[in-house]
């Protein structure tokens, strides 16, 4: 079961989650679409969620280059 955390102050995403067992980051976009990004060890999650980090920029520059796909949540 994914435990979503709401994201305030982002125009690109509304919620995020992380599964350390599978090393996947999950992102929910304003449209309701959910996406997963694999091969994300804990340090990537911490970078993604760091205070002041632009989630959209991080997705574009880092996460989009990892295995990813639409989450059927």
Foldseek 3Di string as FASTA:
>chain_A
DWDWDADPPAQFFGIWTADQVQQKIWTAGPVRWIKIAGPHHPVNVCQCPPPPDHNVVCCVPPRVVGDMDTDPD
